[in-house]
Amino acid sequence: MVWLLVEGVDGVANFDRIIEVEGIDAVIMGPFDLSQSMGYPGQVTHPEVVEKLEDMIKKARAKSIEVVTVIFNTDLENIKKDAQYWVDLGCRILVAGADKGILAAGFNSIPAQLKF
């Protein structure tokens, strides 16, 4: 399988050309890095960031390319809400949690477990 990661303004600006390449099975959207490169660091729900992501989904799905998105919320109810939003837009592959957040939560839980 061939999956591409598109996560910056240059990737979004060239997205039409990128998805013309034969053999792409999926595109992974990088909302966090996209928000950074657009000047909205960490604001993955900023309207302009979301607009770019939604546009990528429409274009990729029109070419039968799967779209992968990352859900950054940590509580179950918000994860479900966000998952439904992205599925309704056409994403069929979802990643809940980002590597840094998962690692930070795990490391932060260690001191509490070590209290005597």
N, C-alpha and C. Protein backbone atom coordinates (compact mmCIF):
# COMPACT_ATOMS: atom_id res chain seq x y z
N MET A 1 0.84 -1.18 0.00
CA MET A 1 0.00 0.00 0.00
C MET A 1 0.88 1.24 0.00
N VAL A 2 0.38 2.28 -0.63
CA VAL A 2 1.10 3.55 -0.68
C VAL A 2 0.25 4.61 0.02
N TRP A 3 0.79 5.11 1.12
CA TRP A 3 0.14 6.17 1.87
C TRP A 3 1.07 7.38 1.86
N LEU A 4 0.49 8.55 1.67
CA LEU A 4 1.27 9.79 1.69
C LEU A 4 0.86 10.63 2.88
N LEU A 5 1.80 11.36 3.43
CA LEU A 5 1.53 12.27 4.53
C LEU A 5 1.60 13.69 3.99
N VAL A 6 0.49 14.41 4.10
CA VAL A 6 0.43 15.80 3.65
C VAL A 6 0.08 16.64 4.87
N GLU A 7 1.03 17.49 5.28
CA GLU A 7 0.82 18.18 6.54
C GLU A 7 1.27 19.63 6.57
N GLY A 8 1.54 20.22 5.46
CA GLY A 8 1.97 21.62 5.45
C GLY A 8 1.32 22.39 4.32
N VAL A 9 1.50 23.70 4.34
CA VAL A 9 0.86 24.54 3.32
C VAL A 9 1.36 24.22 1.92
N ASP A 10 2.62 23.81 1.78
CA ASP A 10 3.12 23.44 0.45
C ASP A 10 2.42 22.19 -0.06
N GLY A 11 2.22 21.22 0.81
CA GLY A 11 1.50 20.00 0.43
C GLY A 11 0.07 20.28 0.04
N VAL A 12 -0.58 21.15 0.80
CA VAL A 12 -1.97 21.51 0.50
C VAL A 12 -2.04 22.28 -0.81
N ALA A 13 -1.09 23.20 -1.03
CA ALA A 13 -1.07 23.99 -2.26
C ALA A 13 -0.85 23.11 -3.49
N ASN A 14 -0.14 22.00 -3.32
CA ASN A 14 0.15 21.09 -4.43
C ASN A 14 -0.70 19.83 -4.39
N PHE A 15 -1.75 19.82 -3.58
CA PHE A 15 -2.53 18.62 -3.35
C PHE A 15 -3.15 18.07 -4.63
N ASP A 16 -3.65 18.93 -5.49
CA ASP A 16 -4.24 18.46 -6.75
C ASP A 16 -3.23 17.67 -7.57
N ARG A 17 -2.01 18.16 -7.62
CA ARG A 17 -0.96 17.46 -8.38
C ARG A 17 -0.54 16.17 -7.67
N ILE A 18 -0.49 16.21 -6.35
CA ILE A 18 -0.07 15.05 -5.57
C ILE A 18 -1.01 13.87 -5.81
N ILE A 19 -2.31 14.13 -5.76
CA ILE A 19 -3.26 13.02 -5.88
C ILE A 19 -3.46 12.56 -7.32
N GLU A 20 -2.77 13.18 -8.26
CA GLU A 20 -2.77 12.70 -9.64
C GLU A 20 -1.81 11.53 -9.83
N VAL A 21 -0.89 11.36 -8.89
CA VAL A 21 0.09 10.28 -8.99
C VAL A 21 -0.64 8.94 -8.91
N GLU A 22 -0.35 8.06 -9.84
CA GLU A 22 -0.98 6.74 -9.87
C GLU A 22 -0.52 5.89 -8.69
N GLY A 23 -1.44 5.11 -8.16
CA GLY A 23 -1.10 4.12 -7.15
C GLY A 23 -1.21 4.56 -5.71
N ILE A 24 -1.70 5.77 -5.45
CA ILE A 24 -1.86 6.22 -4.06
C ILE A 24 -3.09 5.55 -3.47
N ASP A 25 -2.91 4.89 -2.34
CA ASP A 25 -4.03 4.24 -1.66
C ASP A 25 -4.67 5.13 -0.61
N ALA A 26 -3.86 5.94 0.06
CA ALA A 26 -4.40 6.80 1.12
C ALA A 26 -3.52 8.02 1.31
N VAL A 27 -4.16 9.07 1.82
CA VAL A 27 -3.46 10.29 2.19
C VAL A 27 -3.72 10.52 3.67
N ILE A 28 -2.66 10.72 4.42
CA ILE A 28 -2.78 11.03 5.84
C ILE A 28 -2.70 12.55 5.98
N MET A 29 -3.73 13.12 6.59
CA MET A 29 -3.71 14.56 6.83
C MET A 29 -2.99 14.82 8.15
N GLY A 30 -2.20 15.87 8.18
CA GLY A 30 -1.49 16.25 9.40
C GLY A 30 -2.02 17.57 9.93
N PRO A 31 -3.14 17.54 10.64
CA PRO A 31 -3.76 18.79 11.09
C PRO A 31 -2.89 19.64 12.01
N PHE A 32 -2.12 19.00 12.89
CA PHE A 32 -1.30 19.77 13.82
C PHE A 32 -0.21 20.53 13.08
N ASP A 33 0.52 19.83 12.22
CA ASP A 33 1.58 20.49 11.46
C ASP A 33 1.02 21.50 10.47
N LEU A 34 -0.14 21.19 9.90
CA LEU A 34 -0.78 22.15 8.99
C LEU A 34 -1.12 23.43 9.73
N SER A 35 -1.68 23.30 10.93
CA SER A 35 -2.02 24.50 11.70
C SER A 35 -0.76 25.33 11.98
N GLN A 36 0.33 24.67 12.27
CA GLN A 36 1.60 25.36 12.52
C GLN A 36 2.05 26.11 11.27
N SER A 37 2.03 25.44 10.13
CA SER A 37 2.54 26.07 8.91
C SER A 37 1.61 27.17 8.39
N MET A 38 0.35 27.15 8.84
CA MET A 38 -0.60 28.20 8.44
C MET A 38 -0.55 29.41 9.38
N GLY A 39 0.24 29.31 10.46
CA GLY A 39 0.33 30.42 11.40
C GLY A 39 -0.65 30.33 12.56
N TYR A 40 -1.24 29.15 12.75
CA TYR A 40 -2.17 28.91 13.86
C TYR A 40 -1.66 27.72 14.68
N PRO A 41 -0.51 27.86 15.31
CA PRO A 41 0.13 26.71 15.95
C PRO A 41 -0.78 25.99 16.96
N GLY A 42 -0.96 24.70 16.70
CA GLY A 42 -1.75 23.85 17.59
C GLY A 42 -3.24 24.03 17.51
N GLN A 43 -3.71 24.94 16.68
CA GLN A 43 -5.14 25.22 16.57
C GLN A 43 -5.74 24.35 15.46
N VAL A 44 -5.85 23.06 15.73
CA VAL A 44 -6.30 22.10 14.71
C VAL A 44 -7.77 22.29 14.34
N THR A 45 -8.52 23.03 15.14
CA THR A 45 -9.92 23.29 14.82
C THR A 45 -10.16 24.71 14.31
N HIS A 46 -9.08 25.42 14.03
CA HIS A 46 -9.22 26.77 13.47
C HIS A 46 -9.99 26.66 12.15
N PRO A 47 -10.97 27.53 11.91
CA PRO A 47 -11.79 27.41 10.70
C PRO A 47 -11.00 27.32 9.39
N GLU A 48 -9.91 28.06 9.28
CA GLU A 48 -9.13 28.02 8.04
C GLU A 48 -8.40 26.68 7.89
N VAL A 49 -7.95 26.12 8.99
CA VAL A 49 -7.28 24.80 8.97
C VAL A 49 -8.31 23.74 8.58
N VAL A 50 -9.45 23.77 9.24
CA VAL A 50 -10.51 22.79 8.96
C VAL A 50 -10.96 22.89 7.50
N GLU A 51 -11.06 24.10 6.99
CA GLU A 51 -11.46 24.29 5.58
C GLU A 51 -10.49 23.59 4.64
N LYS A 52 -9.20 23.73 4.90
CA LYS A 52 -8.18 23.06 4.07
C LYS A 52 -8.31 21.54 4.16
N LEU A 53 -8.53 21.03 5.37
CA LEU A 53 -8.66 19.59 5.56
C LEU A 53 -9.90 19.06 4.85
N GLU A 54 -11.01 19.77 4.98
CA GLU A 54 -12.24 19.35 4.31
C GLU A 54 -12.07 19.34 2.79
N ASP A 55 -11.36 20.32 2.27
CA ASP A 55 -11.11 20.39 0.83
C ASP A 55 -10.25 19.20 0.37
N MET A 56 -9.25 18.86 1.17
CA MET A 56 -8.40 17.70 0.84
C MET A 56 -9.23 16.42 0.79
N ILE A 57 -10.13 16.27 1.75
CA ILE A 57 -10.97 15.07 1.79
C ILE A 57 -11.81 14.97 0.54
N LYS A 58 -12.48 16.04 0.17
CA LYS A 58 -13.34 16.04 -1.02
C LYS A 58 -12.55 15.65 -2.27
N LYS A 59 -11.38 16.25 -2.42
CA LYS A 59 -10.57 15.99 -3.61
C LYS A 59 -10.06 14.54 -3.64
N ALA A 60 -9.57 14.07 -2.51
CA ALA A 60 -9.04 12.70 -2.47
C ALA A 60 -10.14 11.67 -2.68
N ARG A 61 -11.26 11.84 -2.01
CA ARG A 61 -12.36 10.88 -2.14
C ARG A 61 -12.92 10.88 -3.55
N ALA A 62 -12.89 12.02 -4.24
CA ALA A 62 -13.35 12.07 -5.63
C ALA A 62 -12.48 11.19 -6.53
N LYS A 63 -11.26 10.92 -6.10
CA LYS A 63 -10.35 10.04 -6.84
C LYS A 63 -10.26 8.66 -6.21
N SER A 64 -11.18 8.36 -5.30
CA SER A 64 -11.22 7.07 -4.60
C SER A 64 -9.96 6.80 -3.78
N ILE A 65 -9.36 7.86 -3.28
CA ILE A 65 -8.20 7.75 -2.39
C ILE A 65 -8.72 7.87 -0.96
N GLU A 66 -8.34 6.92 -0.11
CA GLU A 66 -8.75 6.97 1.29
C GLU A 66 -8.06 8.14 1.99
N VAL A 67 -8.71 8.66 3.02
CA VAL A 67 -8.15 9.77 3.78
C VAL A 67 -8.08 9.38 5.25
N VAL A 68 -6.92 9.62 5.84
CA VAL A 68 -6.67 9.31 7.24
C VAL A 68 -6.58 10.63 8.00
N THR A 69 -7.26 10.73 9.12
CA THR A 69 -7.13 11.92 9.95
C THR A 69 -6.81 11.52 11.38
N VAL A 70 -6.33 12.49 12.13
CA VAL A 70 -5.95 12.28 13.52
C VAL A 70 -6.92 13.06 14.41
N ILE A 71 -7.40 12.39 15.45
CA ILE A 71 -8.28 13.03 16.42
C ILE A 71 -7.44 13.33 17.66
N PHE A 72 -7.41 14.60 18.06
CA PHE A 72 -6.54 15.02 19.15
C PHE A 72 -7.23 15.05 20.50
N ASN A 73 -8.55 14.96 20.55
CA ASN A 73 -9.24 14.96 21.84
C ASN A 73 -8.84 13.74 22.64
N THR A 74 -8.96 13.84 23.96
CA THR A 74 -8.56 12.73 24.81
C THR A 74 -9.71 12.08 25.56
N ASP A 75 -10.85 12.79 25.67
CA ASP A 75 -11.96 12.14 26.38
C ASP A 75 -12.88 11.45 25.37
N LEU A 76 -13.46 10.35 25.79
CA LEU A 76 -14.18 9.46 24.90
C LEU A 76 -15.34 10.14 24.17
N GLU A 77 -16.10 10.96 24.86
CA GLU A 77 -17.25 11.61 24.22
C GLU A 77 -16.82 12.53 23.08
N ASN A 78 -15.75 13.30 23.30
CA ASN A 78 -15.26 14.18 22.23
C ASN A 78 -14.61 13.40 21.11
N ILE A 79 -13.97 12.28 21.43
CA ILE A 79 -13.40 11.43 20.38
C ILE A 79 -14.53 10.91 19.50
N LYS A 80 -15.61 10.45 20.10
CA LYS A 80 -16.76 9.95 19.32
C LYS A 80 -17.34 11.04 18.44
N LYS A 81 -17.50 12.23 19.01
CA LYS A 81 -18.05 13.36 18.25
C LYS A 81 -17.16 13.72 17.07
N ASP A 82 -15.85 13.83 17.33
CA ASP A 82 -14.91 14.16 16.25
C ASP A 82 -14.86 13.05 15.21
N ALA A 83 -14.88 11.80 15.65
CA ALA A 83 -14.85 10.68 14.70
C ALA A 83 -16.05 10.74 13.77
N GLN A 84 -17.21 10.99 14.31
CA GLN A 84 -18.41 11.06 13.48
C GLN A 84 -18.32 12.20 12.46
N TYR A 85 -17.79 13.33 12.90
CA TYR A 85 -17.61 14.49 12.00
C TYR A 85 -16.75 14.11 10.80
N TRP A 86 -15.58 13.50 11.07
CA TRP A 86 -14.66 13.15 9.98
C TRP A 86 -15.20 12.02 9.12
N VAL A 87 -15.88 11.05 9.71
CA VAL A 87 -16.49 9.97 8.93
C VAL A 87 -17.56 10.55 8.01
N ASP A 88 -18.36 11.46 8.51
CA ASP A 88 -19.39 12.09 7.68
C ASP A 88 -18.80 12.84 6.50
N LEU A 89 -17.57 13.33 6.64
CA LEU A 89 -16.89 14.03 5.55
C LEU A 89 -16.24 13.08 4.55
N GLY A 90 -16.08 11.80 4.94
CA GLY A 90 -15.51 10.84 4.01
C GLY A 90 -14.28 10.11 4.48
N CYS A 91 -13.77 10.43 5.67
CA CYS A 91 -12.62 9.70 6.20
C CYS A 91 -13.09 8.33 6.68
N ARG A 92 -12.34 7.30 6.30
CA ARG A 92 -12.69 5.95 6.75
C ARG A 92 -11.60 5.35 7.63
N ILE A 93 -10.50 6.09 7.80
CA ILE A 93 -9.41 5.64 8.65
C ILE A 93 -9.12 6.77 9.64
N LEU A 94 -9.27 6.48 10.92
CA LEU A 94 -9.09 7.49 11.96
C LEU A 94 -8.03 7.03 12.96
N VAL A 95 -7.22 7.98 13.42
CA VAL A 95 -6.25 7.72 14.46
C VAL A 95 -6.66 8.58 15.65
N ALA A 96 -6.93 7.95 16.78
CA ALA A 96 -7.31 8.70 17.98
C ALA A 96 -6.10 8.84 18.88
N GLY A 97 -5.68 10.06 19.06
CA GLY A 97 -4.52 10.34 19.91
C GLY A 97 -3.28 10.54 19.07
N ALA A 98 -2.47 11.46 19.50
CA ALA A 98 -1.21 11.73 18.82
C ALA A 98 -0.06 11.17 19.65
N ASP A 99 1.01 10.80 19.00
CA ASP A 99 2.12 10.16 19.69
C ASP A 99 2.62 10.97 20.88
N LYS A 100 2.79 12.26 20.72
CA LYS A 100 3.31 13.09 21.81
C LYS A 100 2.33 13.13 22.98
N GLY A 101 1.05 13.26 22.68
CA GLY A 101 0.05 13.30 23.75
C GLY A 101 -0.04 12.00 24.51
N ILE A 102 0.01 10.90 23.80
CA ILE A 102 -0.05 9.58 24.45
C ILE A 102 1.18 9.36 25.32
N LEU A 103 2.35 9.71 24.80
CA LEU A 103 3.58 9.56 25.59
C LEU A 103 3.56 10.47 26.82
N ALA A 104 3.13 11.72 26.63
CA ALA A 104 3.08 12.66 27.77
C ALA A 104 2.14 12.15 28.85
N ALA A 105 0.96 11.67 28.46
CA ALA A 105 0.00 11.16 29.44
C ALA A 105 0.58 9.97 30.19
N GLY A 106 1.25 9.09 29.49
CA GLY A 106 1.86 7.93 30.13
C GLY A 106 2.96 8.32 31.09
N PHE A 107 3.83 9.22 30.65
CA PHE A 107 4.92 9.66 31.53
C PHE A 107 4.39 10.43 32.73
N ASN A 108 3.36 11.24 32.54
CA ASN A 108 2.80 12.01 33.64
C ASN A 108 2.11 11.13 34.67
N SER A 109 1.67 9.95 34.28
CA SER A 109 1.00 9.07 35.22
C SER A 109 1.98 8.33 36.14
N ILE A 110 3.23 8.25 35.77
CA ILE A 110 4.22 7.50 36.55
C ILE A 110 4.42 8.07 37.95
N PRO A 111 4.64 9.39 38.12
CA PRO A 111 4.85 9.90 39.49
C PRO A 111 3.69 9.59 40.43
N ALA A 112 2.47 9.66 39.94
CA ALA A 112 1.30 9.37 40.80
C ALA A 112 1.32 7.92 41.24
N GLN A 113 1.80 7.05 40.40
CA GLN A 113 1.84 5.63 40.74
C GLN A 113 2.97 5.29 41.71
N LEU A 114 3.95 6.17 41.80
CA LEU A 114 5.13 5.91 42.64
C LEU A 114 4.99 6.48 44.06
N LYS A 115 3.92 7.19 44.32
CA LYS A 115 3.74 7.76 45.66
C LYS A 115 3.56 6.65 46.68
N PHE A 116 4.26 6.79 47.82
CA PHE A 116 4.20 5.78 48.88
C PHE A 116 3.35 6.26 50.01
